[in-house]
Amino acid sequence: SAGECDVLAILGQPVMESWESPYMIAMAKSVCAVGGRILEVGFGLGISAAAIDSFPDVVEHVIFEANEQVCGQAGLWSDGAARPTTVYQGFWQDLVDDFPPESFDGILFDCFPLTAAHYRDGEVV
C-alpha cells in the first residue's frame, strides 16, 4: 500500500521519501478542491495517490508514470482504489497529447526526471 517504503530511488537518485507525506497530502488537497477528473503526473510512493483517492468529489483519477517498476506498483495500487483509476506508463510529454484540452479538473505534477533526455548512459544528469 501507499507509503510502505521510506525512500524511492531510481537510478540511484532519491526520488521521493516518506517525510514528504504532509507536503504531498497538502498538494492533493489543493488539486482535489473542486473534485472531478484528476491527473497525477508521477506516482512515487503513492502518497498523493492515496490522498486523491480519499476525496469523495473525485470522479476519476488518471496517473502518468514514466518508470516501469513504479508504474507496476501504481497499477497494483489502482486495483484497490476507491475511485475509478487508470494508470498510463510513459513520460507525460508523450502522453498528454492523447487527451483533449481541459480534460482534467486538477493536475498534481510531481515527477522526476522530467524527460528521457535527463538519462545519459544509465545515469540521471
Foldseek 3Di string as FASTA:
>chain_A
DFPPDQFDDALNHTQDGSVCLVVLLVLLCVQCVQAEEEEEEACGRVSNVLSVLPDPSHQEYEYEHADPVVLVVVVVVCVPGPHHYYYDYHQCVVVVVVADPPNGSGYHYRDPPRDPVLDDPSHGD
